[in-house]
Amino acid sequence: MSYIRKDELVVGERYKVEARNFSEATWNGEVFEGLRTKFGHTFESTEIHYDDHAPWGTVKPLEVTY
């Protein structure tokens, strides 16, 4: 699967992502921030870009959301 590499991301931009805990997230320059739902509760969560720790990185950004 093709994804947006870390060096191409824009800080503050929201992306559709393939990730473990969310499908949209905002890049803060270090990690992705998104909303996760677990056991009926929704809360903020972070995950790392796939390029940082392949294959353990959990986020592959696919496209910018508008």
Protein backbone atom coordinates (compact mmCIF):
# COMPACT_ATOMS: atom_id res chain seq x y z
CA MET A 1 0.00 0.00 0.00
CA SER A 2 1.23 3.46 -0.90
CA TYR A 3 1.29 6.07 1.89
CA ILE A 4 2.59 9.59 2.57
CA ARG A 5 6.13 9.52 3.90
CA LYS A 6 6.94 11.33 7.13
CA ASP A 7 9.11 13.99 5.45
CA GLU A 8 6.14 14.98 3.24
CA LEU A 9 3.68 15.64 6.10
CA VAL A 10 2.48 19.12 7.09
CA VAL A 11 2.24 20.00 10.79
CA GLY A 12 -1.37 20.69 11.79
CA GLU A 13 -2.80 18.96 8.71
CA ARG A 14 -5.50 16.32 9.12
CA TYR A 15 -5.07 13.03 7.25
CA LYS A 16 -7.09 9.92 6.46
CA VAL A 17 -4.93 7.15 7.87
CA GLU A 18 -4.57 3.43 8.18
CA ALA A 19 -3.87 3.03 11.87
CA ARG A 20 -4.57 0.75 14.79
CA ASN A 21 -6.97 3.02 16.70
CA PHE A 22 -8.37 5.70 14.37
CA SER A 23 -9.09 6.46 10.71
CA GLU A 24 -8.39 10.22 10.76
CA ALA A 25 -5.65 12.02 12.63
CA THR A 26 -3.70 15.27 12.83
CA TRP A 27 0.08 15.35 12.43
CA ASN A 28 1.74 17.40 15.21
CA GLY A 29 5.28 17.12 13.85
CA GLU A 30 6.18 14.12 16.01
CA VAL A 31 3.14 11.83 16.24
CA PHE A 32 -0.41 11.57 14.97
CA GLU A 33 -3.22 12.69 17.29
CA GLY A 34 -6.67 11.20 16.87
CA LEU A 35 -9.80 10.15 18.70
CA ARG A 36 -9.99 6.57 19.90
CA THR A 37 -13.08 4.76 21.16
CA LYS A 38 -12.63 1.94 23.65
CA PHE A 39 -15.23 0.30 25.87
CA GLY A 40 -17.77 2.96 24.90
CA HIS A 41 -15.51 5.90 25.80
CA THR A 42 -13.90 8.27 23.30
CA PHE A 43 -10.60 9.93 24.14
CA GLU A 44 -7.53 11.48 22.52
CA SER A 45 -4.77 9.09 21.57
CA THR A 46 -1.44 9.22 19.73
CA GLU A 47 0.31 6.83 17.38
CA ILE A 48 3.64 6.92 15.56
CA HIS A 49 4.29 7.14 11.81
CA TYR A 50 5.22 3.88 10.14
CA ASP A 51 8.54 5.39 8.94
CA ASP A 52 9.70 5.95 12.54
CA HIS A 53 9.66 2.36 13.64
CA ALA A 54 8.84 0.07 10.71
CA PRO A 55 7.29 -2.41 11.05
CA TRP A 56 6.08 -1.36 14.52
CA GLY A 57 4.94 2.14 13.55
CA THR A 58 1.17 2.08 13.45
CA VAL A 59 0.12 4.94 11.14
CA LYS A 60 0.25 5.10 7.35
CA PRO A 61 -1.24 8.43 6.20
CA LEU A 62 -3.16 7.98 2.95
CA GLU A 63 -4.44 11.44 2.00
CA VAL A 64 -5.20 14.92 3.34
CA THR A 65 -8.76 15.48 4.53
CA TYR A 66 -10.48 18.77 3.73
